Amino acid sequence: MSDDRSFVEAHRRETRAKLEALGVPAFAYRFDRSHKAEAALGLYRDEMGEDGPEVAIAGRIVSWRSQGKTAFGHLEDVSGRIQAYFRQDALGPAFEMVKLLDLGDHVGVRGKLMKTRTGEVTVKVSSATLLAKSLRPLPLAKTTADGEQHGGLSDPEVRYRQRYADLAVHPEVRADFVLRSRVISAIRRYLDGREFLEVETPVLQPLYGGAAARPFVTQHNALDMTLYLRIADELYLKRLLVGGFERVYEIGHDFRNEGLDRTHNPEFTMLEWYQAYADYHDVRRMCQELIQELVRLVAGEGMTLERDGVTLRFGQEFATVRFVEGIVAAGGPDVLTASEPEMKAALTAKGVGAEESADWTGGKLLDEVFKAFLEPTLVQPTFVVDYPLALSPLAKQHRDDPRLVERFELFVQGRELANAFSELNDPEDQRARFEAQVAEGRAGNDETQPYDADYLRAMEYGMPPAGGIGIGIDRLMMLLTGRPSIRDVILFPAMRPEEGRA
């Protein structure tokens, strides 16, 4: 903390003491407000003059200027901001409290609406109440007469770490998270309207599964057993299909013990849904329909998003590219016929270091070939379909080609948004796939599926044919908001420990 900041904080604590000496509590219990700022502004008509309707407004002081016996300030609430006009002759002794107000304080005001000489609708304050004293000054930007802003909270690391301050001083950040809530509500409406049942499945699991990832490990003391934070919801949701629920979904947090970058956070939000008696064609139609509805929520009927200088078009049928043929068309090897040395040579020619790819094998190698050749070309909304079997231990074998599975992923701007299958429901086939995954893990791949005997037992009771999908909510929000990092769309992203703090 700088000496300047320490001085300001000390001054604010002195101000609190002065307020309390006046009998003014620094932290109130409640305030009865009649309107939010936006609604209050909408009440005023020019013919009202200085005798507009009376309102009670509460908010944070985000601008302040004092002129002796008068003061002007803007109060900001969740809906916007409104100006308040304080006069000593109207407030009497209470004006002593007004003189001790600071930027960042929460204040409640009552008074009639008026319009100032500059044409701004304003509350002519007849009474004011301090609701919460700001003991630490918010890093509010200063706006010049020509509208330029200087200072403020700009360091991204500080903004992520002190999200509360970021939200307090940046209305556009608050708007992003309001949109996130609206998007999740829209997803629920979409699925609820199609007779899907929202359910909750365990976060702490004795076996992790449903994806290829490293888990977080924890210990349950009372049961004296190792548990894992779930990496996906899939296997428990499909157990519910066995139990007779035909359409289920879950929106919840998953956890993967992986690195952090602009598209990965170790804790993230996933939507997964599963539908009995459907396949990946049915799920693909629903996926496109849902994404289009969410884009419409943001972009209107134009159905386009401008991102990184590119116009992304969602109004038409999404493009479809087959996994194997797409890699070949992008200059890569035919992964169904090429040997592992040939695929590694192709990666080396593409600029992937030979040392980096030396230990890659099986599904991991196929995935890296895909990432190097095809993935960067997928700019417009595109379904990649029909993956090699080695990449998808939980997907049903393709009905026309046993080397493939019935799977699709949705990509936009080279970024995966959704992953879906015709779900594997043959327990003997699933057992063989689990055994192959165990063997791959023993060979050195630490991102494989463990052998889940209970899931196999559930399948043996009879799991109906089904289609299922997982959609990453955080990456979806990056697309819808245009934010460049996953940390921009997660309220409290994972951060390294702050220096100097426990």
Protein backbone atom coordinates (compact mmCIF):
# COMPACT_ATOMS: atom_id res chain seq x y z
CA MET A 1 0.00 0.00 0.00
CA SER A 2 1.42 3.41 -0.97
CA ASP A 3 1.95 6.23 1.54
CA ASP A 4 -0.67 8.29 -0.36
CA ARG A 5 -3.26 5.54 -0.01
CA SER A 6 -2.43 5.15 3.69
CA PHE A 7 -2.92 8.88 4.17
CA VAL A 8 -6.29 8.87 2.41
CA GLU A 9 -7.50 5.88 4.38
CA ALA A 10 -6.41 7.48 7.63
CA HIS A 11 -8.28 10.66 6.65
CA ARG A 12 -11.46 8.68 5.96
CA ARG A 13 -11.31 7.06 9.34
CA GLU A 14 -10.98 10.52 10.88
CA THR A 15 -14.05 11.55 8.87
CA ARG A 16 -15.94 8.59 10.26
CA ALA A 17 -15.07 9.72 13.77
CA LYS A 18 -16.35 13.24 12.99
CA LEU A 19 -19.61 11.82 11.66
CA GLU A 20 -20.12 9.72 14.75
CA ALA A 21 -19.37 12.76 16.90
CA LEU A 22 -22.27 14.46 15.10
CA GLY A 23 -24.45 11.48 15.97
CA VAL A 24 -24.44 10.18 12.38
CA PRO A 25 -23.96 6.38 12.18
CA ALA A 26 -21.38 5.44 9.56
CA PHE A 27 -23.27 2.25 8.63
CA ALA A 28 -27.07 2.28 8.54
CA TYR A 29 -29.44 -0.69 8.75
CA ARG A 30 -31.75 0.00 5.80
CA PHE A 31 -33.31 2.65 3.60
CA ASP A 32 -36.76 2.81 2.00
CA ARG A 33 -36.26 3.84 -1.58
CA SER A 34 -39.15 4.52 -3.91
CA HIS A 35 -37.36 4.20 -7.25
CA LYS A 36 -34.12 3.14 -8.85
CA ALA A 37 -32.22 5.83 -10.72
CA GLU A 38 -33.41 4.87 -14.20
CA ALA A 39 -37.06 4.72 -13.16
CA ALA A 40 -36.81 8.07 -11.39
CA LEU A 41 -35.34 9.75 -14.47
CA GLY A 42 -38.27 8.45 -16.49
CA LEU A 43 -40.79 10.19 -14.21
CA TYR A 44 -39.75 13.74 -15.04
CA ARG A 45 -41.39 15.92 -17.70
CA ASP A 46 -40.13 19.37 -18.73
CA GLU A 47 -43.38 21.09 -17.83
CA MET A 48 -42.84 20.07 -14.18
CA GLY A 49 -40.08 22.64 -13.69
CA GLU A 50 -38.70 22.40 -10.15
CA ASP A 51 -41.84 20.73 -8.84
CA GLY A 52 -41.39 17.20 -10.11
CA PRO A 53 -42.53 14.10 -8.25
CA GLU A 54 -40.87 13.23 -4.95
CA VAL A 55 -38.55 10.22 -4.98
CA ALA A 56 -36.33 8.35 -2.56
CA ILE A 57 -33.07 7.15 -4.18
CA ALA A 58 -30.15 5.15 -2.76
CA GLY A 59 -26.78 4.58 -4.35
CA ARG A 60 -23.03 5.05 -4.28
CA ILE A 61 -21.54 8.52 -4.79
CA VAL A 62 -19.54 8.31 -8.04
CA SER A 63 -19.00 12.02 -8.64
CA TRP A 64 -18.88 14.87 -6.17
CA ARG A 65 -18.32 18.61 -6.19
CA SER A 66 -18.89 20.91 -3.25
CA GLN A 67 -19.38 24.68 -3.55
CA GLY A 68 -19.61 25.97 -0.01
CA LYS A 69 -23.30 25.94 0.85
CA THR A 70 -24.24 23.61 -2.01
CA ALA A 71 -23.00 20.31 -3.38
CA PHE A 72 -23.71 18.16 -6.43
CA GLY A 73 -23.13 14.44 -6.67
CA HIS A 74 -24.15 11.52 -8.84
CA LEU A 75 -25.60 8.47 -7.10
CA GLU A 76 -25.22 5.16 -8.93
CA ASP A 77 -27.33 2.06 -8.38
CA VAL A 78 -27.83 -1.13 -10.36
CA SER A 79 -29.94 0.66 -12.98
CA GLY A 80 -27.76 3.71 -13.64
CA ARG A 81 -26.99 7.07 -12.06
CA ILE A 82 -28.86 10.24 -11.15
CA GLN A 83 -27.66 13.63 -9.95
CA ALA A 84 -28.47 14.88 -6.46
CA TYR A 85 -28.42 18.57 -5.45
CA PHE A 86 -27.70 19.34 -1.77
CA ARG A 87 -28.40 22.83 -0.33
CA GLN A 88 -27.61 24.00 3.17
CA ASP A 89 -30.79 26.09 3.41
CA ALA A 90 -32.89 23.01 2.56
CA LEU A 91 -31.05 20.56 4.81
CA GLY A 92 -30.24 22.73 7.80
CA PRO A 93 -27.97 21.02 10.39
CA ALA A 94 -27.94 17.85 8.29
CA PHE A 95 -25.71 19.69 5.81
CA GLU A 96 -22.82 19.15 8.25
CA MET A 97 -23.07 15.46 7.39
CA VAL A 98 -23.12 16.29 3.68
CA LYS A 99 -19.82 18.17 4.02
CA LEU A 100 -18.22 14.95 5.29
CA LEU A 101 -19.32 12.77 2.39
CA ASP A 102 -16.73 11.18 0.10
CA LEU A 103 -16.66 9.45 -3.25
CA GLY A 104 -17.70 5.83 -2.77
CA ASP A 105 -20.05 6.46 0.15
CA HIS A 106 -23.52 4.93 -0.08
CA VAL A 107 -26.19 7.58 0.50
CA GLY A 108 -29.98 7.69 0.53
CA VAL A 109 -31.71 10.92 -0.53
CA ARG A 110 -35.31 12.14 -0.70
CA GLY A 111 -36.59 15.08 -2.65
CA LYS A 112 -38.43 16.38 -5.69
CA LEU A 113 -37.15 15.99 -9.21
CA MET A 114 -36.07 19.10 -11.10
CA LYS A 115 -33.97 19.96 -14.13
CA THR A 116 -30.80 22.02 -13.81
CA ARG A 117 -29.74 24.84 -16.11
CA THR A 118 -27.61 22.34 -18.03
CA GLY A 119 -30.70 20.21 -18.64
CA GLU A 120 -29.93 17.34 -16.25
CA VAL A 121 -32.76 15.73 -14.28
CA THR A 122 -31.76 16.00 -10.63
CA VAL A 123 -33.07 15.18 -7.16
CA LYS A 124 -33.44 18.40 -5.14
CA VAL A 125 -32.53 16.83 -1.81
CA SER A 126 -34.76 17.57 1.18
CA SER A 127 -33.26 14.87 3.42
CA ALA A 128 -30.14 12.73 3.21
CA THR A 129 -28.97 9.61 5.06
CA LEU A 130 -25.50 8.13 5.13
CA LEU A 131 -25.91 4.39 4.49
CA ALA A 132 -22.31 3.15 4.38
CA LYS A 133 -19.01 5.01 4.72
CA SER A 134 -16.30 4.10 2.21
CA LEU A 135 -13.12 3.73 4.27
CA ARG A 136 -11.02 2.78 1.25
CA PRO A 137 -11.31 5.05 -1.80
CA LEU A 138 -12.50 3.36 -4.97
CA PRO A 139 -10.19 3.85 -7.97
CA LEU A 140 -12.73 5.88 -9.93
CA ALA A 141 -11.62 7.31 -13.27
CA LYS A 142 -11.75 11.06 -13.77
CA THR A 143 -13.66 12.28 -16.81
CA THR A 144 -12.51 15.44 -18.60
CA ALA A 145 -14.82 18.00 -20.21
CA ASP A 146 -14.35 16.33 -23.61
CA GLY A 147 -15.37 12.94 -22.22
CA GLU A 148 -11.93 11.31 -21.90
CA GLN A 149 -11.26 9.21 -18.81
CA HIS A 150 -8.01 9.13 -16.88
CA GLY A 151 -6.84 6.97 -14.01
CA GLY A 152 -9.20 4.48 -12.48
CA LEU A 153 -8.83 0.74 -12.11
CA SER A 154 -7.06 -0.49 -15.25
CA ASP A 155 -4.59 -3.21 -14.22
CA PRO A 156 -6.23 -6.52 -15.31
CA GLU A 157 -4.64 -8.52 -12.49
CA VAL A 158 -5.96 -6.11 -9.87
CA ARG A 159 -9.37 -6.09 -11.53
CA TYR A 160 -9.64 -9.90 -11.42
CA ARG A 161 -8.31 -10.11 -7.87
CA GLN A 162 -10.48 -7.28 -6.53
CA ARG A 163 -13.55 -8.02 -8.61
CA TYR A 164 -15.70 -6.14 -6.09
CA ALA A 165 -13.83 -2.94 -6.91
CA ASP A 166 -13.89 -3.71 -10.63
CA LEU A 167 -17.67 -4.11 -10.52
CA ALA A 168 -18.11 -0.98 -8.42
CA VAL A 169 -16.28 1.31 -10.86
CA HIS A 170 -17.03 -0.33 -14.24
CA PRO A 171 -20.74 -0.50 -15.16
CA GLU A 172 -19.85 -2.34 -18.37
CA VAL A 173 -18.37 -5.20 -16.31
CA ARG A 174 -21.54 -5.39 -14.25
CA ALA A 175 -23.47 -5.51 -17.53
CA ASP A 176 -21.45 -8.54 -18.66
CA PHE A 177 -22.44 -10.48 -15.57
CA VAL A 178 -26.06 -9.38 -15.81
CA LEU A 179 -25.97 -10.81 -19.35
CA ARG A 180 -24.43 -14.03 -18.03
CA SER A 181 -27.35 -14.45 -15.64
CA ARG A 182 -29.84 -13.75 -18.46
CA VAL A 183 -28.11 -16.30 -20.69
CA ILE A 184 -28.30 -19.02 -18.04
CA SER A 185 -31.97 -18.20 -17.45
CA ALA A 186 -32.60 -18.45 -21.20
CA ILE A 187 -30.88 -21.85 -21.32
CA ARG A 188 -33.13 -23.09 -18.52
CA ARG A 189 -36.24 -21.79 -20.29
CA TYR A 190 -35.17 -23.50 -23.51
CA LEU A 191 -34.64 -26.89 -21.87
CA ASP A 192 -37.54 -26.67 -19.42
CA GLY A 193 -39.80 -25.91 -22.37
CA ARG A 194 -38.73 -29.17 -23.98
CA GLU A 195 -39.57 -31.29 -20.94
CA PHE A 196 -36.02 -31.59 -19.63
CA LEU A 197 -35.61 -31.98 -15.87
CA GLU A 198 -32.90 -30.00 -14.10
CA VAL A 199 -31.02 -32.20 -11.63
CA GLU A 200 -28.01 -32.05 -9.33
CA THR A 201 -25.28 -34.69 -9.28
CA PRO A 202 -22.30 -35.11 -6.91
CA VAL A 203 -19.37 -32.71 -7.04
CA LEU A 204 -17.32 -34.99 -4.76
CA GLN A 205 -16.94 -38.35 -6.50
CA PRO A 206 -15.16 -41.60 -5.60
CA LEU A 207 -14.17 -41.90 -9.29
CA TYR A 208 -13.86 -39.03 -11.73
CA GLY A 209 -14.94 -39.49 -15.33
CA GLY A 210 -16.80 -38.13 -18.33
CA ALA A 211 -13.79 -36.33 -19.80
CA ALA A 212 -10.05 -36.63 -20.32
CA ALA A 213 -8.52 -34.44 -17.61
CA ARG A 214 -6.54 -34.51 -14.39
CA PRO A 215 -8.72 -34.17 -11.28
CA PHE A 216 -8.35 -32.33 -8.01
CA VAL A 217 -7.95 -34.81 -5.16
CA THR A 218 -9.29 -34.41 -1.63
CA GLN A 219 -9.77 -36.54 1.49
CA HIS A 220 -13.02 -37.26 3.30
CA ASN A 221 -12.05 -37.65 6.95
CA ALA A 222 -15.18 -39.33 8.32
CA LEU A 223 -15.23 -41.98 5.57
CA ASP A 224 -11.41 -42.15 5.42
CA MET A 225 -11.47 -42.20 1.63
CA THR A 226 -10.03 -40.29 -1.28
CA LEU A 227 -12.52 -38.27 -3.32
CA TYR A 228 -12.20 -36.26 -6.51
CA LEU A 229 -13.80 -33.00 -7.59
CA ARG A 230 -15.80 -33.87 -10.68
CA ILE A 231 -14.31 -33.13 -14.07
CA ALA A 232 -17.68 -33.62 -15.82
CA ASP A 233 -21.31 -34.41 -14.98
CA GLU A 234 -21.74 -37.03 -17.70
CA LEU A 235 -21.61 -40.41 -16.01
CA TYR A 236 -24.04 -39.54 -13.22
CA LEU A 237 -26.49 -37.94 -15.65
CA LYS A 238 -26.44 -41.07 -17.80
CA ARG A 239 -27.09 -43.18 -14.70
CA LEU A 240 -30.33 -41.20 -14.48
CA LEU A 241 -31.26 -42.32 -18.00
CA VAL A 242 -30.93 -45.89 -16.72
CA GLY A 243 -33.20 -44.96 -13.81
CA GLY A 244 -36.01 -43.82 -16.11
CA PHE A 245 -35.49 -40.07 -16.47
CA GLU A 246 -35.61 -39.52 -20.21
CA ARG A 247 -34.45 -35.89 -20.45
CA VAL A 248 -32.09 -34.41 -17.85
CA TYR A 249 -29.71 -31.47 -17.61
CA GLU A 250 -27.39 -29.86 -15.14
CA ILE A 251 -25.70 -26.45 -15.02
CA GLY A 252 -22.88 -26.70 -12.53
CA HIS A 253 -19.24 -26.26 -11.71
CA ASP A 254 -16.61 -28.73 -12.87
CA PHE A 255 -12.96 -28.77 -11.87
CA ARG A 256 -9.86 -29.77 -13.82
CA ASN A 257 -6.36 -29.66 -12.44
CA GLU A 258 -4.81 -27.96 -15.43
CA GLY A 259 -2.97 -24.78 -16.30
CA LEU A 260 -4.48 -21.32 -16.61
CA ASP A 261 -4.64 -19.44 -19.88
CA ARG A 262 -7.08 -17.20 -21.73
CA THR A 263 -9.53 -20.07 -22.34
CA HIS A 264 -8.94 -22.26 -19.26
CA ASN A 265 -9.76 -21.81 -15.58
CA PRO A 266 -9.51 -24.75 -13.16
CA GLU A 267 -13.09 -24.12 -11.96
CA PHE A 268 -15.61 -23.57 -14.73
CA THR A 269 -19.32 -23.83 -15.48
CA MET A 270 -20.75 -26.50 -17.76
CA LEU A 271 -24.17 -27.21 -19.17
CA GLU A 272 -24.79 -30.89 -19.93
CA TRP A 273 -28.00 -32.43 -21.19
CA TYR A 274 -28.96 -35.99 -22.14
CA GLN A 275 -32.01 -37.16 -24.08
CA ALA A 276 -33.14 -40.77 -24.32
CA TYR A 277 -34.08 -42.20 -27.72
CA ALA A 278 -32.12 -39.45 -29.53
CA ASP A 279 -28.75 -39.40 -31.31
CA TYR A 280 -26.09 -36.84 -32.14
CA HIS A 281 -28.11 -35.57 -35.13
CA ASP A 282 -30.98 -34.60 -32.80
CA VAL A 283 -28.59 -32.99 -30.34
CA ARG A 284 -26.86 -31.04 -33.11
CA ARG A 285 -30.17 -29.51 -34.20
CA MET A 286 -30.93 -28.50 -30.61
CA CYS A 287 -27.43 -27.12 -30.10
CA GLN A 288 -27.69 -24.87 -33.15
CA GLU A 289 -31.16 -23.71 -32.13
CA LEU A 290 -30.05 -22.88 -28.59
CA ILE A 291 -26.91 -21.01 -29.68
CA GLN A 292 -28.96 -19.01 -32.19
CA GLU A 293 -31.46 -18.07 -29.46
CA LEU A 294 -28.64 -16.86 -27.21
CA VAL A 295 -26.99 -14.84 -29.99
CA ARG A 296 -30.38 -13.28 -30.74
CA LEU A 297 -30.59 -12.26 -27.07
CA VAL A 298 -27.38 -10.24 -27.54
CA ALA A 299 -27.41 -9.20 -31.20
CA GLY A 300 -31.08 -9.06 -32.08
CA GLU A 301 -32.54 -10.38 -35.31
CA GLY A 302 -29.39 -9.52 -37.26
CA MET A 303 -27.79 -12.61 -35.67
CA THR A 304 -24.22 -11.36 -36.22
CA LEU A 305 -21.41 -10.65 -33.78
CA GLU A 306 -18.38 -8.49 -34.62
CA ARG A 307 -15.37 -10.14 -32.99
CA ASP A 308 -11.68 -9.34 -33.67
CA GLY A 309 -12.50 -7.66 -36.95
CA VAL A 310 -14.58 -10.61 -38.17
CA THR A 311 -18.34 -10.70 -38.71
CA LEU A 312 -19.58 -13.98 -37.24
CA ARG A 313 -22.88 -15.06 -38.78
CA PHE A 314 -25.30 -17.22 -36.81
CA GLY A 315 -28.50 -16.74 -38.79
CA GLN A 316 -27.96 -19.55 -41.27
CA GLU A 317 -27.28 -23.27 -40.96
CA PHE A 318 -23.91 -23.81 -39.29
CA ALA A 319 -21.17 -25.31 -41.46
CA THR A 320 -20.26 -28.99 -41.01
CA VAL A 321 -16.78 -30.50 -41.48
CA ARG A 322 -15.83 -34.15 -40.96
CA PHE A 323 -12.86 -34.60 -38.61
CA VAL A 324 -10.61 -36.72 -40.85
CA GLU A 325 -11.40 -35.03 -44.16
CA GLY A 326 -11.14 -31.58 -42.57
CA ILE A 327 -7.59 -32.22 -41.34
CA VAL A 328 -6.56 -33.46 -44.78
CA ALA A 329 -8.13 -30.41 -46.47
CA ALA A 330 -6.17 -28.18 -44.07
CA GLY A 331 -2.89 -29.81 -45.19
CA GLY A 332 -2.61 -32.44 -42.47
CA PRO A 333 -2.25 -36.22 -42.52
CA ASP A 334 -5.05 -38.77 -42.87
CA VAL A 335 -5.16 -39.76 -39.21
CA LEU A 336 -6.96 -43.04 -39.97
CA THR A 337 -4.13 -44.37 -42.17
CA ALA A 338 -1.00 -42.44 -41.14
CA SER A 339 1.42 -43.98 -38.64
CA GLU A 340 2.33 -42.20 -35.43
CA PRO A 341 5.80 -41.28 -36.78
CA GLU A 342 4.12 -39.81 -39.88
CA MET A 343 1.74 -37.75 -37.77
CA LYS A 344 4.60 -36.48 -35.60
CA ALA A 345 6.54 -35.56 -38.72
CA ALA A 346 3.55 -33.60 -39.98
CA LEU A 347 3.37 -31.78 -36.65
CA THR A 348 7.07 -30.97 -36.80
CA ALA A 349 6.60 -29.55 -40.31
CA LYS A 350 3.75 -27.46 -38.91
CA GLY A 351 6.06 -25.98 -36.27
CA VAL A 352 5.38 -28.24 -33.27
CA GLY A 353 8.66 -29.16 -31.57
CA ALA A 354 9.75 -32.78 -31.86
CA GLU A 355 10.61 -32.89 -28.15
CA GLU A 356 7.11 -31.66 -27.29
CA SER A 357 5.43 -34.38 -29.35
CA ALA A 358 7.81 -37.22 -28.43
CA ASP A 359 5.53 -38.75 -25.77
CA TRP A 360 2.24 -38.19 -27.57
CA THR A 361 0.41 -41.34 -28.58
CA GLY A 362 -3.11 -42.63 -29.28
CA GLY A 363 -5.92 -40.14 -28.74
CA LYS A 364 -3.56 -37.45 -27.43
CA LEU A 365 -1.61 -37.47 -30.71
CA LEU A 366 -4.79 -37.32 -32.79
CA ASP A 367 -6.03 -34.37 -30.75
CA GLU A 368 -2.79 -32.46 -31.24
CA VAL A 369 -2.91 -33.03 -35.01
CA PHE A 370 -6.45 -31.64 -35.00
CA LYS A 371 -5.40 -28.59 -32.95
CA ALA A 372 -2.46 -27.86 -35.25
CA PHE A 373 -4.20 -28.22 -38.61
CA LEU A 374 -7.99 -27.94 -38.52
CA GLU A 375 -8.93 -26.07 -35.35
CA PRO A 376 -7.40 -22.67 -36.33
CA THR A 377 -9.44 -22.64 -39.57
CA LEU A 378 -12.81 -22.91 -37.80
CA VAL A 379 -13.79 -19.24 -37.60
CA GLN A 380 -17.48 -19.18 -38.50
CA PRO A 381 -19.81 -21.43 -36.43
CA THR A 382 -18.82 -24.93 -37.53
CA PHE A 383 -19.71 -28.44 -36.42
CA VAL A 384 -16.80 -30.89 -36.63
CA VAL A 385 -18.32 -34.38 -36.84
CA ASP A 386 -17.35 -38.07 -36.83
CA TYR A 387 -14.23 -38.36 -34.69
CA PRO A 388 -11.78 -41.30 -34.55
CA LEU A 389 -12.77 -43.88 -31.95
CA ALA A 390 -9.53 -43.45 -29.96
CA LEU A 391 -10.54 -39.87 -29.10
CA SER A 392 -13.97 -40.68 -27.67
CA PRO A 393 -14.20 -43.51 -25.11
CA LEU A 394 -17.81 -42.65 -24.20
CA ALA A 395 -19.28 -42.17 -27.69
CA LYS A 396 -21.18 -44.73 -29.77
CA GLN A 397 -19.40 -46.33 -32.72
CA HIS A 398 -20.33 -44.74 -36.02
CA ARG A 399 -23.08 -46.71 -37.74
CA ASP A 400 -21.32 -46.42 -41.15
CA ASP A 401 -17.62 -46.62 -40.22
CA PRO A 402 -16.40 -48.66 -37.21
CA ARG A 403 -13.16 -46.63 -37.07
CA LEU A 404 -15.17 -43.55 -36.05
CA VAL A 405 -17.68 -42.51 -33.42
CA GLU A 406 -20.83 -40.42 -33.68
CA ARG A 407 -19.57 -37.23 -32.12
CA PHE A 408 -19.55 -33.53 -32.93
CA GLU A 409 -17.95 -30.44 -31.49
CA LEU A 410 -19.03 -26.87 -32.19
CA PHE A 411 -16.26 -24.37 -32.90
CA VAL A 412 -16.36 -20.59 -33.32
CA GLN A 413 -13.18 -18.58 -33.91
CA GLY A 414 -11.09 -21.71 -33.42
CA ARG A 415 -12.52 -22.24 -29.96
CA GLU A 416 -14.56 -25.25 -28.83
CA LEU A 417 -17.97 -24.37 -27.40
CA ALA A 418 -19.76 -27.73 -27.31
CA ASN A 419 -19.01 -31.46 -27.38
CA ALA A 420 -21.69 -34.07 -28.06
CA PHE A 421 -22.17 -37.79 -28.77
CA SER A 422 -24.55 -40.48 -29.69
CA GLU A 423 -24.00 -42.02 -26.28
CA LEU A 424 -22.39 -45.43 -25.96
CA ASN A 425 -24.93 -47.73 -24.28
CA ASP A 426 -23.42 -51.19 -24.85
CA PRO A 427 -21.80 -52.18 -21.50
CA GLU A 428 -19.43 -54.72 -23.10
CA ASP A 429 -18.18 -52.14 -25.60
CA GLN A 430 -17.84 -49.63 -22.76
CA ARG A 431 -15.87 -52.13 -20.67
CA ALA A 432 -13.41 -52.65 -23.52
CA ARG A 433 -13.03 -48.88 -23.96
CA PHE A 434 -12.35 -48.42 -20.23
CA GLU A 435 -9.72 -51.15 -20.37
CA ALA A 436 -8.07 -49.44 -23.34
CA GLN A 437 -8.06 -46.17 -21.40
CA VAL A 438 -6.43 -47.86 -18.40
CA ALA A 439 -3.74 -49.27 -20.68
CA GLU A 440 -3.15 -45.84 -22.20
CA GLY A 441 -2.82 -44.39 -18.71
CA ARG A 442 -0.22 -46.99 -17.80
CA ALA A 443 1.67 -46.00 -20.95
CA GLY A 444 2.03 -42.46 -19.59
CA ASN A 445 -1.10 -40.51 -20.57
CA ASP A 446 -2.32 -38.85 -17.35
CA GLU A 447 -5.58 -37.62 -18.95
CA THR A 448 -7.52 -40.86 -19.42
CA GLN A 449 -10.81 -42.30 -18.16
CA PRO A 450 -10.56 -44.51 -15.05
CA TYR A 451 -12.32 -47.88 -15.00
CA ASP A 452 -15.76 -47.21 -13.48
CA ALA A 453 -17.30 -50.55 -12.44
CA ASP A 454 -20.43 -48.97 -10.96
CA TYR A 455 -21.17 -47.12 -14.19
CA LEU A 456 -20.82 -50.42 -16.08
CA ARG A 457 -23.21 -52.04 -13.61
CA ALA A 458 -25.73 -49.28 -14.28
CA MET A 459 -25.39 -49.80 -18.03
CA GLU A 460 -25.99 -53.52 -17.62
CA TYR A 461 -29.49 -52.77 -16.32
CA GLY A 462 -30.17 -51.28 -19.76
CA MET A 463 -29.43 -47.72 -20.85
CA PRO A 464 -31.63 -46.43 -23.67
CA PRO A 465 -30.03 -44.99 -26.80
CA ALA A 466 -29.39 -41.33 -26.12
CA GLY A 467 -27.77 -38.14 -27.31
CA GLY A 468 -25.83 -35.94 -24.93
CA ILE A 469 -23.89 -32.69 -24.98
CA GLY A 470 -21.65 -30.48 -22.86
CA ILE A 471 -21.47 -26.72 -23.48
CA GLY A 472 -18.90 -24.54 -21.72
CA ILE A 473 -20.79 -21.57 -20.29
CA ASP A 474 -17.65 -19.49 -19.74
CA ARG A 475 -16.37 -19.81 -23.31
CA LEU A 476 -19.88 -19.16 -24.55
CA MET A 477 -19.91 -15.94 -22.54
CA MET A 478 -16.54 -14.93 -24.01
CA LEU A 479 -18.18 -15.17 -27.43
CA LEU A 480 -21.36 -13.33 -26.44
CA THR A 481 -19.55 -10.48 -24.64
CA GLY A 482 -16.50 -10.25 -26.91
CA ARG A 483 -14.16 -10.49 -23.93
CA PRO A 484 -10.66 -11.86 -24.70
CA SER A 485 -10.08 -13.91 -21.54
CA ILE A 486 -12.10 -16.46 -19.61
CA ARG A 487 -11.20 -14.51 -16.47
CA ASP A 488 -13.25 -11.59 -17.83
CA VAL A 489 -16.46 -13.65 -17.62
CA ILE A 490 -15.89 -15.44 -14.30
CA LEU A 491 -16.70 -13.31 -11.28
CA PHE A 492 -13.86 -14.63 -9.13
CA PRO A 493 -11.30 -16.44 -11.32
CA ALA A 494 -8.44 -18.49 -9.89
CA MET A 495 -5.43 -16.30 -9.04
CA ARG A 496 -1.97 -16.85 -7.67
CA PRO A 497 -1.58 -15.86 -3.99
CA GLU A 498 -1.24 -12.13 -3.51
CA GLU A 499 2.21 -11.08 -2.35
CA GLY A 500 2.26 -9.86 1.21
CA ARG A 501 -1.09 -11.41 2.11
CA ALA A 502 -1.77 -14.75 3.77
